[in-house]
Amino acid sequence: MKIVMLGAPGAGKGTQAKMIADKYSIPHISTGDIFRANIKEGTALGLEAKSYMDQGKLVPDELTVKILLDRVAKDDCANGYVLDGFPRTIPQAEVLKDALAKLNDKIDYAVNVDVPDENIVKRMSGRRACVTCGATYHIEHVPPKTEGVCDRCGAALILRDDDKPETVLNRLKIYHDQTQPLIDFYTNEGILKTVDGTVDVKVVFENIISILG
């Protein structure tokens, strides 16, 4: 079972990807993780990717897909995998589709975790992080025992720049411009499945499992 996870930043697709991977005993693959692993191991593909990253350039889609195909060729992907964070654009989706087709392979499901923008802004702007130990909280869902103070180490909690409403809105604009068209792409492929991401995490997961079977 080969799955692509879709959803805006903060929609919870990463959490769902990990839960799916655990249930079906398949790897949860994020391009960030495999880039870091290849660079750390000093592979030829990793060094090539690093040369772009060191110049502040984006890694070309073809190279990203090469690194991805190298990862999914490993034994632990024999029964499938969950892709999280790739593809992000139509060209990436097309390169991935063509590369898999050459291997007589394809993506089985594209799961879209759908959450309205206003919910995401509220969800992310409620996050708080400890400046010392990195523990995370949410002022509504996982509040600290004392407001503004970390339960674990007693240090101050902050709203990270990434979680500020103006930053979140900017990230959502980029998502809608670049990634939203993937929903149309995978709808046309006949494999898009959309779930309501505004309900409880466990309910979202149960709904995904009912789709995947």
N, C-alpha and C. Protein backbone atom coordinates (compact mmCIF):
# COMPACT_ATOMS: atom_id res chain seq x y z
N MET A 1 0.84 -1.18 0.00
CA MET A 1 0.00 0.00 0.00
C MET A 1 0.89 1.25 0.00
N LYS A 2 0.86 1.97 -1.11
CA LYS A 2 1.67 3.19 -1.23
C LYS A 2 0.76 4.40 -1.10
N ILE A 3 1.07 5.24 -0.11
CA ILE A 3 0.17 6.34 0.24
C ILE A 3 0.91 7.68 0.21
N VAL A 4 0.27 8.70 -0.34
CA VAL A 4 0.75 10.08 -0.27
C VAL A 4 -0.18 10.83 0.68
N MET A 5 0.40 11.55 1.64
CA MET A 5 -0.40 12.36 2.56
C MET A 5 -0.46 13.81 2.07
N LEU A 6 -1.66 14.36 2.03
CA LEU A 6 -1.85 15.76 1.63
C LEU A 6 -2.55 16.51 2.76
N GLY A 7 -2.34 17.81 2.81
CA GLY A 7 -2.98 18.63 3.83
C GLY A 7 -2.13 19.85 4.11
N ALA A 8 -2.78 20.91 4.52
CA ALA A 8 -2.08 22.17 4.79
C ALA A 8 -1.17 22.03 6.01
N PRO A 9 -0.18 22.95 6.15
CA PRO A 9 0.66 22.94 7.35
C PRO A 9 -0.23 23.07 8.59
N GLY A 10 -0.04 22.17 9.55
CA GLY A 10 -0.84 22.23 10.76
C GLY A 10 -2.13 21.44 10.70
N ALA A 11 -2.39 20.77 9.55
CA ALA A 11 -3.63 19.98 9.42
C ALA A 11 -3.54 18.66 10.18
N GLY A 12 -2.32 18.26 10.52
CA GLY A 12 -2.14 17.01 11.28
C GLY A 12 -1.79 15.81 10.42
N LYS A 13 -1.38 16.07 9.16
CA LYS A 13 -1.10 14.93 8.28
C LYS A 13 0.12 14.13 8.72
N GLY A 14 1.10 14.80 9.34
CA GLY A 14 2.28 14.09 9.83
C GLY A 14 1.94 13.11 10.94
N THR A 15 1.08 13.54 11.85
CA THR A 15 0.61 12.66 12.94
C THR A 15 -0.11 11.45 12.37
N GLN A 16 -1.00 11.70 11.41
CA GLN A 16 -1.75 10.60 10.79
C GLN A 16 -0.82 9.66 10.01
N ALA A 17 0.17 10.23 9.34
CA ALA A 17 1.12 9.41 8.58
C ALA A 17 1.84 8.43 9.50
N LYS A 18 2.27 8.91 10.67
CA LYS A 18 2.97 8.03 11.63
C LYS A 18 2.03 6.93 12.13
N MET A 19 0.77 7.29 12.41
CA MET A 19 -0.20 6.30 12.91
C MET A 19 -0.51 5.24 11.85
N ILE A 20 -0.62 5.68 10.59
CA ILE A 20 -0.87 4.74 9.49
C ILE A 20 0.33 3.79 9.35
N ALA A 21 1.52 4.37 9.39
CA ALA A 21 2.75 3.57 9.26
C ALA A 21 2.82 2.51 10.35
N ASP A 22 2.48 2.90 11.58
CA ASP A 22 2.51 1.95 12.70
C ASP A 22 1.49 0.84 12.51
N LYS A 23 0.28 1.21 12.11
CA LYS A 23 -0.80 0.20 11.97
C LYS A 23 -0.46 -0.84 10.91
N TYR A 24 0.06 -0.38 9.78
CA TYR A 24 0.29 -1.29 8.67
C TYR A 24 1.74 -1.80 8.59
N SER A 25 2.55 -1.41 9.58
CA SER A 25 3.97 -1.83 9.62
C SER A 25 4.71 -1.49 8.33
N ILE A 26 4.49 -0.25 7.87
CA ILE A 26 5.19 0.26 6.69
C ILE A 26 5.91 1.54 7.09
N PRO A 27 6.99 1.90 6.40
CA PRO A 27 7.76 3.09 6.80
C PRO A 27 7.01 4.41 6.54
N HIS A 28 7.21 5.34 7.46
CA HIS A 28 6.75 6.72 7.30
C HIS A 28 7.94 7.49 6.73
N ILE A 29 7.82 7.97 5.52
CA ILE A 29 8.97 8.57 4.82
C ILE A 29 8.73 10.06 4.59
N SER A 30 9.60 10.87 5.20
CA SER A 30 9.56 12.31 4.91
C SER A 30 10.83 12.64 4.14
N THR A 31 10.68 13.50 3.13
CA THR A 31 11.86 13.82 2.30
C THR A 31 12.95 14.47 3.14
N GLY A 32 12.56 15.27 4.13
CA GLY A 32 13.56 15.90 5.01
C GLY A 32 14.42 14.86 5.69
N ASP A 33 13.78 13.80 6.19
CA ASP A 33 14.51 12.73 6.88
C ASP A 33 15.48 12.01 5.94
N ILE A 34 15.00 11.71 4.72
CA ILE A 34 15.88 10.95 3.82
C ILE A 34 17.00 11.83 3.25
N PHE A 35 16.75 13.13 3.09
CA PHE A 35 17.84 14.04 2.72
C PHE A 35 18.92 14.01 3.80
N ARG A 36 18.48 14.18 5.07
CA ARG A 36 19.45 14.22 6.17
C ARG A 36 20.22 12.90 6.28
N ALA A 37 19.51 11.77 6.09
CA ALA A 37 20.18 10.46 6.19
C ALA A 37 21.23 10.30 5.10
N ASN A 38 20.89 10.70 3.86
CA ASN A 38 21.84 10.57 2.75
C ASN A 38 23.04 11.48 2.93
N ILE A 39 22.79 12.68 3.44
CA ILE A 39 23.89 13.63 3.67
C ILE A 39 24.80 13.12 4.78
N LYS A 40 24.19 12.61 5.85
CA LYS A 40 24.96 12.09 6.99
C LYS A 40 25.82 10.89 6.57
N GLU A 41 25.24 10.03 5.72
CA GLU A 41 25.96 8.83 5.27
C GLU A 41 26.94 9.14 4.14
N GLY A 42 26.87 10.36 3.61
CA GLY A 42 27.80 10.75 2.55
C GLY A 42 27.57 10.03 1.23
N THR A 43 26.32 9.65 0.94
CA THR A 43 26.04 8.96 -0.33
C THR A 43 26.21 9.95 -1.49
N ALA A 44 26.36 9.39 -2.69
CA ALA A 44 26.53 10.24 -3.87
C ALA A 44 25.31 11.15 -4.06
N LEU A 45 24.11 10.59 -3.85
CA LEU A 45 22.89 11.38 -4.00
C LEU A 45 22.82 12.45 -2.90
N GLY A 46 23.23 12.08 -1.69
CA GLY A 46 23.22 13.02 -0.57
C GLY A 46 24.17 14.18 -0.81
N LEU A 47 25.36 13.89 -1.32
CA LEU A 47 26.35 14.94 -1.59
C LEU A 47 25.86 15.88 -2.70
N GLU A 48 25.17 15.28 -3.68
CA GLU A 48 24.62 16.10 -4.77
C GLU A 48 23.54 17.04 -4.22
N ALA A 49 22.66 16.50 -3.36
CA ALA A 49 21.61 17.32 -2.75
C ALA A 49 22.22 18.42 -1.89
N LYS A 50 23.26 18.07 -1.14
CA LYS A 50 23.91 19.03 -0.24
C LYS A 50 24.51 20.20 -1.02
N SER A 51 25.00 19.91 -2.22
CA SER A 51 25.63 20.97 -3.02
C SER A 51 24.60 22.06 -3.36
N TYR A 52 23.36 21.65 -3.58
CA TYR A 52 22.29 22.64 -3.83
C TYR A 52 21.91 23.36 -2.54
N MET A 53 21.74 22.58 -1.47
CA MET A 53 21.31 23.15 -0.19
C MET A 53 22.33 24.15 0.35
N ASP A 54 23.62 23.85 0.16
CA ASP A 54 24.68 24.74 0.64
C ASP A 54 24.65 26.09 -0.07
N GLN A 55 24.11 26.09 -1.29
CA GLN A 55 24.01 27.35 -2.05
C GLN A 55 22.66 28.04 -1.82
N GLY A 56 21.85 27.44 -0.91
CA GLY A 56 20.54 28.02 -0.63
C GLY A 56 19.53 27.77 -1.73
N LYS A 57 19.83 26.78 -2.59
CA LYS A 57 18.92 26.46 -3.71
C LYS A 57 18.04 25.27 -3.34
N LEU A 58 16.89 25.19 -4.02
CA LEU A 58 16.03 24.02 -3.84
C LEU A 58 16.64 22.83 -4.57
N VAL A 59 16.50 21.65 -3.97
CA VAL A 59 16.98 20.43 -4.63
C VAL A 59 16.04 20.16 -5.81
N PRO A 60 16.59 19.94 -7.03
CA PRO A 60 15.72 19.71 -8.20
C PRO A 60 14.80 18.51 -7.98
N ASP A 61 13.61 18.58 -8.59
CA ASP A 61 12.62 17.51 -8.42
C ASP A 61 13.17 16.14 -8.83
N GLU A 62 13.91 16.11 -9.93
CA GLU A 62 14.43 14.82 -10.42
C GLU A 62 15.37 14.17 -9.40
N LEU A 63 16.20 15.00 -8.75
CA LEU A 63 17.13 14.48 -7.75
C LEU A 63 16.37 14.03 -6.50
N THR A 64 15.38 14.82 -6.10
CA THR A 64 14.56 14.44 -4.94
C THR A 64 13.89 13.10 -5.19
N VAL A 65 13.34 12.90 -6.38
CA VAL A 65 12.68 11.63 -6.70
C VAL A 65 13.69 10.49 -6.74
N LYS A 66 14.90 10.75 -7.24
CA LYS A 66 15.95 9.72 -7.23
C LYS A 66 16.24 9.26 -5.80
N ILE A 67 16.38 10.23 -4.89
CA ILE A 67 16.65 9.91 -3.48
C ILE A 67 15.47 9.15 -2.89
N LEU A 68 14.27 9.56 -3.27
CA LEU A 68 13.06 8.90 -2.78
C LEU A 68 12.97 7.46 -3.29
N LEU A 69 13.24 7.27 -4.58
CA LEU A 69 13.18 5.92 -5.16
C LEU A 69 14.23 5.01 -4.54
N ASP A 70 15.40 5.58 -4.24
CA ASP A 70 16.45 4.81 -3.56
C ASP A 70 15.95 4.33 -2.20
N ARG A 71 15.19 5.20 -1.52
CA ARG A 71 14.66 4.83 -0.19
C ARG A 71 13.58 3.77 -0.30
N VAL A 72 12.64 3.95 -1.25
CA VAL A 72 11.51 3.01 -1.32
C VAL A 72 11.91 1.66 -1.94
N ALA A 73 13.14 1.59 -2.48
CA ALA A 73 13.63 0.31 -3.01
C ALA A 73 14.14 -0.61 -1.89
N LYS A 74 14.27 -0.07 -0.69
CA LYS A 74 14.79 -0.86 0.43
C LYS A 74 13.74 -1.89 0.89
N ASP A 75 14.25 -2.96 1.53
CA ASP A 75 13.40 -4.10 1.89
C ASP A 75 12.20 -3.73 2.75
N ASP A 76 12.38 -2.73 3.64
CA ASP A 76 11.28 -2.41 4.57
C ASP A 76 10.09 -1.77 3.86
N CYS A 77 10.27 -1.42 2.57
CA CYS A 77 9.17 -0.82 1.80
C CYS A 77 8.46 -1.84 0.91
N ALA A 78 8.77 -3.11 1.09
CA ALA A 78 8.19 -4.15 0.24
C ALA A 78 6.66 -4.16 0.28
N ASN A 79 6.10 -3.85 1.45
CA ASN A 79 4.64 -3.86 1.59
C ASN A 79 4.02 -2.47 1.45
N GLY A 80 4.85 -1.47 1.13
CA GLY A 80 4.34 -0.12 0.95
C GLY A 80 5.02 0.89 1.83
N TYR A 81 4.51 2.14 1.80
CA TYR A 81 5.09 3.24 2.56
C TYR A 81 4.11 4.41 2.58
N VAL A 82 4.36 5.34 3.48
CA VAL A 82 3.56 6.56 3.58
C VAL A 82 4.48 7.74 3.30
N LEU A 83 4.20 8.50 2.25
CA LEU A 83 5.01 9.67 1.91
C LEU A 83 4.40 10.91 2.57
N ASP A 84 5.24 11.65 3.29
CA ASP A 84 4.79 12.82 4.04
C ASP A 84 5.67 14.02 3.64
N GLY A 85 5.05 15.00 2.97
CA GLY A 85 5.81 16.18 2.56
C GLY A 85 6.31 16.14 1.13
N PHE A 86 5.96 15.11 0.40
CA PHE A 86 6.32 15.00 -1.02
C PHE A 86 5.29 14.10 -1.68
N PRO A 87 4.82 14.46 -2.87
CA PRO A 87 5.11 15.68 -3.62
C PRO A 87 4.40 16.90 -3.04
N ARG A 88 4.98 18.07 -3.33
CA ARG A 88 4.38 19.35 -2.90
C ARG A 88 3.80 20.13 -4.08
N THR A 89 4.22 19.78 -5.28
CA THR A 89 3.78 20.52 -6.48
C THR A 89 3.40 19.53 -7.59
N ILE A 90 2.69 20.04 -8.60
CA ILE A 90 2.30 19.20 -9.74
C ILE A 90 3.54 18.63 -10.46
N PRO A 91 4.57 19.44 -10.76
CA PRO A 91 5.74 18.85 -11.43
C PRO A 91 6.36 17.70 -10.62
N GLN A 92 6.42 17.85 -9.29
CA GLN A 92 6.96 16.77 -8.46
C GLN A 92 6.09 15.52 -8.56
N ALA A 93 4.77 15.71 -8.55
CA ALA A 93 3.85 14.57 -8.65
C ALA A 93 4.01 13.86 -9.99
N GLU A 94 4.23 14.65 -11.05
CA GLU A 94 4.38 14.05 -12.38
C GLU A 94 5.69 13.28 -12.51
N VAL A 95 6.77 13.86 -11.96
CA VAL A 95 8.08 13.17 -11.99
C VAL A 95 7.99 11.86 -11.20
N LEU A 96 7.34 11.92 -10.03
CA LEU A 96 7.18 10.72 -9.21
C LEU A 96 6.35 9.66 -9.93
N LYS A 97 5.23 10.08 -10.53
CA LYS A 97 4.37 9.15 -11.26
C LYS A 97 5.13 8.46 -12.38
N ASP A 98 5.86 9.25 -13.17
CA ASP A 98 6.62 8.69 -14.31
C ASP A 98 7.71 7.73 -13.84
N ALA A 99 8.41 8.12 -12.76
CA ALA A 99 9.50 7.27 -12.24
C ALA A 99 8.95 5.94 -11.71
N LEU A 100 7.82 5.99 -11.02
CA LEU A 100 7.22 4.76 -10.50
C LEU A 100 6.68 3.90 -11.65
N ALA A 101 6.11 4.55 -12.68
CA ALA A 101 5.56 3.81 -13.82
C ALA A 101 6.65 3.00 -14.52
N LYS A 102 7.86 3.56 -14.58
CA LYS A 102 8.98 2.83 -15.20
C LYS A 102 9.33 1.57 -14.42
N LEU A 103 8.98 1.57 -13.13
CA LEU A 103 9.21 0.40 -12.28
C LEU A 103 7.95 -0.47 -12.18
N ASN A 104 6.96 -0.16 -13.06
CA ASN A 104 5.68 -0.85 -13.03
C ASN A 104 5.00 -0.72 -11.67
N ASP A 105 5.09 0.48 -11.11
CA ASP A 105 4.57 0.74 -9.77
C ASP A 105 3.75 2.03 -9.80
N LYS A 106 3.00 2.28 -8.72
CA LYS A 106 2.19 3.50 -8.66
C LYS A 106 1.78 3.78 -7.22
N ILE A 107 1.30 5.01 -6.98
CA ILE A 107 0.73 5.38 -5.69
C ILE A 107 -0.70 4.84 -5.64
N ASP A 108 -1.09 4.23 -4.51
CA ASP A 108 -2.43 3.64 -4.38
C ASP A 108 -3.46 4.64 -3.86
N TYR A 109 -3.06 5.46 -2.89
CA TYR A 109 -3.99 6.41 -2.28
C TYR A 109 -3.30 7.74 -2.03
N ALA A 110 -4.04 8.82 -2.26
CA ALA A 110 -3.63 10.15 -1.81
C ALA A 110 -4.66 10.57 -0.76
N VAL A 111 -4.23 10.66 0.49
CA VAL A 111 -5.15 10.97 1.59
C VAL A 111 -5.02 12.44 1.95
N ASN A 112 -6.11 13.18 1.78
CA ASN A 112 -6.13 14.62 2.06
C ASN A 112 -6.80 14.87 3.41
N VAL A 113 -6.01 15.40 4.37
CA VAL A 113 -6.56 15.76 5.68
C VAL A 113 -7.02 17.21 5.57
N ASP A 114 -8.33 17.39 5.48
CA ASP A 114 -8.90 18.70 5.16
C ASP A 114 -9.26 19.49 6.42
N VAL A 115 -8.64 20.66 6.57
CA VAL A 115 -8.92 21.55 7.71
C VAL A 115 -9.00 22.98 7.18
N PRO A 116 -10.10 23.71 7.47
CA PRO A 116 -10.20 25.10 7.00
C PRO A 116 -9.07 25.97 7.57
N ASP A 117 -8.70 27.00 6.80
CA ASP A 117 -7.58 27.87 7.20
C ASP A 117 -7.77 28.46 8.60
N GLU A 118 -9.01 28.92 8.90
CA GLU A 118 -9.22 29.58 10.20
C GLU A 118 -8.97 28.62 11.37
N ASN A 119 -9.30 27.33 11.16
CA ASN A 119 -9.02 26.33 12.20
C ASN A 119 -7.52 26.15 12.40
N ILE A 120 -6.78 26.15 11.27
CA ILE A 120 -5.33 25.96 11.35
C ILE A 120 -4.66 27.12 12.07
N VAL A 121 -5.10 28.36 11.74
CA VAL A 121 -4.52 29.54 12.39
C VAL A 121 -4.76 29.46 13.90
N LYS A 122 -5.98 29.09 14.28
CA LYS A 122 -6.32 28.99 15.70
C LYS A 122 -5.51 27.88 16.37
N ARG A 123 -5.40 26.76 15.68
CA ARG A 123 -4.69 25.58 16.22
C ARG A 123 -3.21 25.90 16.44
N MET A 124 -2.58 26.52 15.43
CA MET A 124 -1.14 26.75 15.51
C MET A 124 -0.79 27.93 16.40
N SER A 125 -1.65 28.96 16.42
CA SER A 125 -1.33 30.12 17.26
C SER A 125 -1.56 29.82 18.74
N GLY A 126 -2.20 28.67 19.02
CA GLY A 126 -2.37 28.24 20.41
C GLY A 126 -1.21 27.40 20.93
N ARG A 127 -0.27 27.08 20.06
CA ARG A 127 0.89 26.28 20.48
C ARG A 127 1.84 27.10 21.33
N ARG A 128 2.46 26.45 22.28
CA ARG A 128 3.51 27.09 23.08
C ARG A 128 4.66 26.10 23.23
N ALA A 129 5.88 26.62 23.18
CA ALA A 129 7.07 25.77 23.28
C ALA A 129 7.98 26.25 24.40
N CYS A 130 8.61 25.29 25.07
CA CYS A 130 9.55 25.64 26.15
C CYS A 130 10.88 26.08 25.55
N VAL A 131 11.39 27.20 26.02
CA VAL A 131 12.65 27.74 25.47
C VAL A 131 13.85 26.89 25.90
N THR A 132 13.68 26.08 26.94
CA THR A 132 14.81 25.32 27.47
C THR A 132 14.81 23.85 27.04
N CYS A 133 13.70 23.14 27.35
CA CYS A 133 13.72 21.68 27.09
C CYS A 133 12.98 21.29 25.81
N GLY A 134 12.28 22.25 25.17
CA GLY A 134 11.62 21.96 23.90
C GLY A 134 10.24 21.33 24.01
N ALA A 135 9.75 21.12 25.24
CA ALA A 135 8.41 20.55 25.42
C ALA A 135 7.37 21.46 24.76
N THR A 136 6.31 20.85 24.23
CA THR A 136 5.29 21.65 23.54
C THR A 136 3.92 21.49 24.22
N TYR A 137 3.15 22.56 24.14
CA TYR A 137 1.83 22.62 24.77
C TYR A 137 0.86 23.29 23.81
N HIS A 138 -0.42 23.27 24.20
CA HIS A 138 -1.43 24.04 23.48
C HIS A 138 -2.34 24.66 24.52
N ILE A 139 -2.61 25.96 24.38
CA ILE A 139 -3.33 26.67 25.44
C ILE A 139 -4.75 26.12 25.66
N GLU A 140 -5.31 25.45 24.62
CA GLU A 140 -6.65 24.85 24.79
C GLU A 140 -6.58 23.35 25.04
N HIS A 141 -5.80 22.65 24.21
CA HIS A 141 -5.85 21.19 24.21
C HIS A 141 -4.87 20.52 25.18
N VAL A 142 -3.68 21.09 25.32
CA VAL A 142 -2.68 20.52 26.25
C VAL A 142 -2.05 21.68 27.03
N PRO A 143 -2.82 22.34 27.88
CA PRO A 143 -2.27 23.51 28.58
C PRO A 143 -1.29 23.12 29.68
N PRO A 144 -0.30 23.99 29.95
CA PRO A 144 0.59 23.73 31.09
C PRO A 144 -0.19 23.94 32.39
N LYS A 145 0.32 23.37 33.48
CA LYS A 145 -0.37 23.53 34.77
C LYS A 145 -0.40 25.00 35.20
N THR A 146 0.70 25.70 34.93
CA THR A 146 0.76 27.14 35.21
C THR A 146 0.95 27.86 33.88
N GLU A 147 0.10 28.84 33.60
CA GLU A 147 0.15 29.54 32.32
C GLU A 147 1.53 30.14 32.07
N GLY A 148 2.09 29.83 30.88
CA GLY A 148 3.38 30.40 30.49
C GLY A 148 4.60 29.74 31.09
N VAL A 149 4.39 28.63 31.84
CA VAL A 149 5.52 27.96 32.51
C VAL A 149 5.52 26.48 32.15
N CYS A 150 6.69 25.96 31.78
CA CYS A 150 6.84 24.55 31.41
C CYS A 150 6.65 23.64 32.62
N ASP A 151 5.79 22.63 32.48
CA ASP A 151 5.57 21.65 33.55
C ASP A 151 6.86 20.89 33.86
N ARG A 152 7.62 20.62 32.80
CA ARG A 152 8.77 19.73 32.93
C ARG A 152 9.97 20.39 33.62
N CYS A 153 10.30 21.63 33.20
CA CYS A 153 11.54 22.23 33.72
C CYS A 153 11.35 23.61 34.34
N GLY A 154 10.13 24.16 34.24
CA GLY A 154 9.86 25.45 34.88
C GLY A 154 10.31 26.67 34.11
N ALA A 155 10.81 26.45 32.88
CA ALA A 155 11.25 27.59 32.06
C ALA A 155 10.04 28.24 31.37
N ALA A 156 10.30 29.38 30.73
CA ALA A 156 9.22 30.13 30.07
C ALA A 156 8.76 29.44 28.79
N LEU A 157 7.47 29.58 28.50
CA LEU A 157 6.91 29.09 27.24
C LEU A 157 6.72 30.25 26.29
N ILE A 158 6.97 30.00 25.01
CA ILE A 158 6.85 31.06 24.01
C ILE A 158 5.98 30.61 22.83
N LEU A 159 5.46 31.59 22.11
CA LEU A 159 4.82 31.35 20.82
C LEU A 159 5.91 31.50 19.77
N ARG A 160 6.25 30.38 19.12
CA ARG A 160 7.33 30.43 18.12
C ARG A 160 6.93 31.27 16.92
N ASP A 161 7.92 31.87 16.27
CA ASP A 161 7.65 32.69 15.09
C ASP A 161 6.86 31.91 14.04
N ASP A 162 7.20 30.62 13.87
CA ASP A 162 6.52 29.77 12.88
C ASP A 162 5.03 29.63 13.15
N ASP A 163 4.64 29.80 14.43
CA ASP A 163 3.25 29.59 14.81
C ASP A 163 2.44 30.89 14.92
N LYS A 164 3.09 32.03 14.68
CA LYS A 164 2.38 33.31 14.75
C LYS A 164 1.39 33.40 13.59
N PRO A 165 0.19 34.00 13.84
CA PRO A 165 -0.85 34.01 12.80
C PRO A 165 -0.39 34.51 11.44
N GLU A 166 0.43 35.59 11.43
CA GLU A 166 0.85 36.14 10.12
C GLU A 166 1.75 35.16 9.37
N THR A 167 2.59 34.41 10.13
CA THR A 167 3.47 33.42 9.49
C THR A 167 2.65 32.25 8.98
N VAL A 168 1.69 31.81 9.78
CA VAL A 168 0.83 30.69 9.39
C VAL A 168 0.03 31.05 8.14
N LEU A 169 -0.51 32.25 8.09
CA LEU A 169 -1.29 32.68 6.91
C LEU A 169 -0.42 32.72 5.66
N ASN A 170 0.84 33.12 5.81
CA ASN A 170 1.76 33.15 4.68
C ASN A 170 2.05 31.73 4.19
N ARG A 171 2.26 30.80 5.14
CA ARG A 171 2.51 29.40 4.78
C ARG A 171 1.28 28.79 4.09
N LEU A 172 0.10 29.18 4.56
CA LEU A 172 -1.13 28.67 3.95
C LEU A 172 -1.31 29.20 2.53
N LYS A 173 -0.90 30.45 2.31
CA LYS A 173 -0.99 31.01 0.95
C LYS A 173 -0.11 30.22 -0.01
N ILE A 174 1.13 29.92 0.45
CA ILE A 174 2.06 29.13 -0.38
C ILE A 174 1.46 27.75 -0.64
N TYR A 175 0.88 27.16 0.41
CA TYR A 175 0.25 25.84 0.26
C TYR A 175 -0.85 25.88 -0.80
N HIS A 176 -1.73 26.88 -0.70
CA HIS A 176 -2.85 26.95 -1.65
C HIS A 176 -2.36 27.19 -3.08
N ASP A 177 -1.32 27.99 -3.22
CA ASP A 177 -0.78 28.28 -4.56
C ASP A 177 -0.12 27.06 -5.18
N GLN A 178 0.68 26.34 -4.36
CA GLN A 178 1.53 25.27 -4.91
C GLN A 178 0.95 23.88 -4.75
N THR A 179 0.41 23.59 -3.56
CA THR A 179 0.08 22.21 -3.22
C THR A 179 -1.39 21.87 -3.43
N GLN A 180 -2.27 22.86 -3.26
CA GLN A 180 -3.70 22.60 -3.47
C GLN A 180 -3.99 21.96 -4.83
N PRO A 181 -3.30 22.38 -5.92
CA PRO A 181 -3.57 21.74 -7.23
C PRO A 181 -3.34 20.23 -7.23
N LEU A 182 -2.54 19.73 -6.26
CA LEU A 182 -2.32 18.27 -6.18
C LEU A 182 -3.64 17.54 -5.91
N ILE A 183 -4.55 18.22 -5.22
CA ILE A 183 -5.84 17.59 -4.94
C ILE A 183 -6.56 17.29 -6.26
N ASP A 184 -6.50 18.26 -7.19
CA ASP A 184 -7.09 18.03 -8.52
C ASP A 184 -6.33 16.93 -9.27
N PHE A 185 -5.00 16.95 -9.16
CA PHE A 185 -4.16 15.96 -9.84
C PHE A 185 -4.55 14.54 -9.41
N TYR A 186 -4.62 14.33 -8.09
CA TYR A 186 -4.91 12.97 -7.59
C TYR A 186 -6.39 12.61 -7.72
N THR A 187 -7.26 13.64 -7.79
CA THR A 187 -8.67 13.37 -8.11
C THR A 187 -8.76 12.80 -9.52
N ASN A 188 -8.03 13.42 -10.45
CA ASN A 188 -8.02 12.95 -11.84
C ASN A 188 -7.40 11.56 -11.97
N GLU A 189 -6.47 11.25 -11.05
CA GLU A 189 -5.85 9.92 -11.04
C GLU A 189 -6.81 8.87 -10.45
N GLY A 190 -7.87 9.37 -9.80
CA GLY A 190 -8.87 8.47 -9.22
C GLY A 190 -8.50 7.87 -7.88
N ILE A 191 -7.51 8.48 -7.19
CA ILE A 191 -7.05 7.88 -5.93
C ILE A 191 -7.16 8.83 -4.73
N LEU A 192 -7.75 10.02 -4.93
CA LEU A 192 -7.85 10.96 -3.81
C LEU A 192 -8.94 10.54 -2.84
N LYS A 193 -8.61 10.56 -1.55
CA LYS A 193 -9.57 10.30 -0.47
C LYS A 193 -9.44 11.45 0.53
N THR A 194 -10.53 12.14 0.82
CA THR A 194 -10.50 13.29 1.73
C THR A 194 -11.19 12.95 3.04
N VAL A 195 -10.54 13.31 4.15
CA VAL A 195 -11.14 13.12 5.48
C VAL A 195 -11.21 14.47 6.19
N ASP A 196 -12.18 14.60 7.08
CA ASP A 196 -12.36 15.81 7.87
C ASP A 196 -11.30 15.84 8.97
N GLY A 197 -10.39 16.81 8.89
CA GLY A 197 -9.31 16.90 9.87
C GLY A 197 -9.64 17.75 11.07
N THR A 198 -10.90 18.23 11.17
CA THR A 198 -11.26 19.10 12.30
C THR A 198 -11.72 18.30 13.52
N VAL A 199 -11.99 17.01 13.32
CA VAL A 199 -12.45 16.19 14.44
C VAL A 199 -11.26 15.64 15.23
N ASP A 200 -11.54 14.90 16.29
CA ASP A 200 -10.48 14.35 17.14
C ASP A 200 -9.50 13.49 16.32
N VAL A 201 -8.23 13.54 16.71
CA VAL A 201 -7.16 12.82 16.00
C VAL A 201 -7.52 11.35 15.80
N LYS A 202 -8.06 10.71 16.83
CA LYS A 202 -8.40 9.28 16.74
C LYS A 202 -9.53 9.04 15.75
N VAL A 203 -10.48 9.98 15.68
CA VAL A 203 -11.60 9.84 14.74
C VAL A 203 -11.08 10.01 13.31
N VAL A 204 -10.17 10.97 13.11
CA VAL A 204 -9.55 11.15 11.78
C VAL A 204 -8.89 9.84 11.35
N PHE A 205 -8.14 9.25 12.28
CA PHE A 205 -7.42 8.00 12.00
C PHE A 205 -8.40 6.87 11.65
N GLU A 206 -9.46 6.74 12.43
CA GLU A 206 -10.45 5.70 12.16
C GLU A 206 -11.08 5.88 10.78
N ASN A 207 -11.32 7.13 10.40
CA ASN A 207 -11.91 7.40 9.09
C ASN A 207 -10.94 7.04 7.96
N ILE A 208 -9.66 7.30 8.19
CA ILE A 208 -8.64 6.93 7.19
C ILE A 208 -8.57 5.41 7.05
N ILE A 209 -8.57 4.71 8.19
CA ILE A 209 -8.47 3.25 8.16
C ILE A 209 -9.67 2.63 7.45
N SER A 210 -10.85 3.24 7.62
CA SER A 210 -12.04 2.71 6.95
C SER A 210 -11.91 2.84 5.43
N ILE A 211 -11.16 3.83 4.99
CA ILE A 211 -10.91 4.03 3.55
C ILE A 211 -9.86 3.02 3.06
N LEU A 212 -8.78 2.88 3.82
CA LEU A 212 -7.67 2.02 3.38
C LEU A 212 -8.01 0.54 3.51
N GLY A 213 -8.86 0.21 4.50
CA GLY A 213 -9.27 -1.18 4.70
C GLY A 213 -8.22 -2.02 5.38
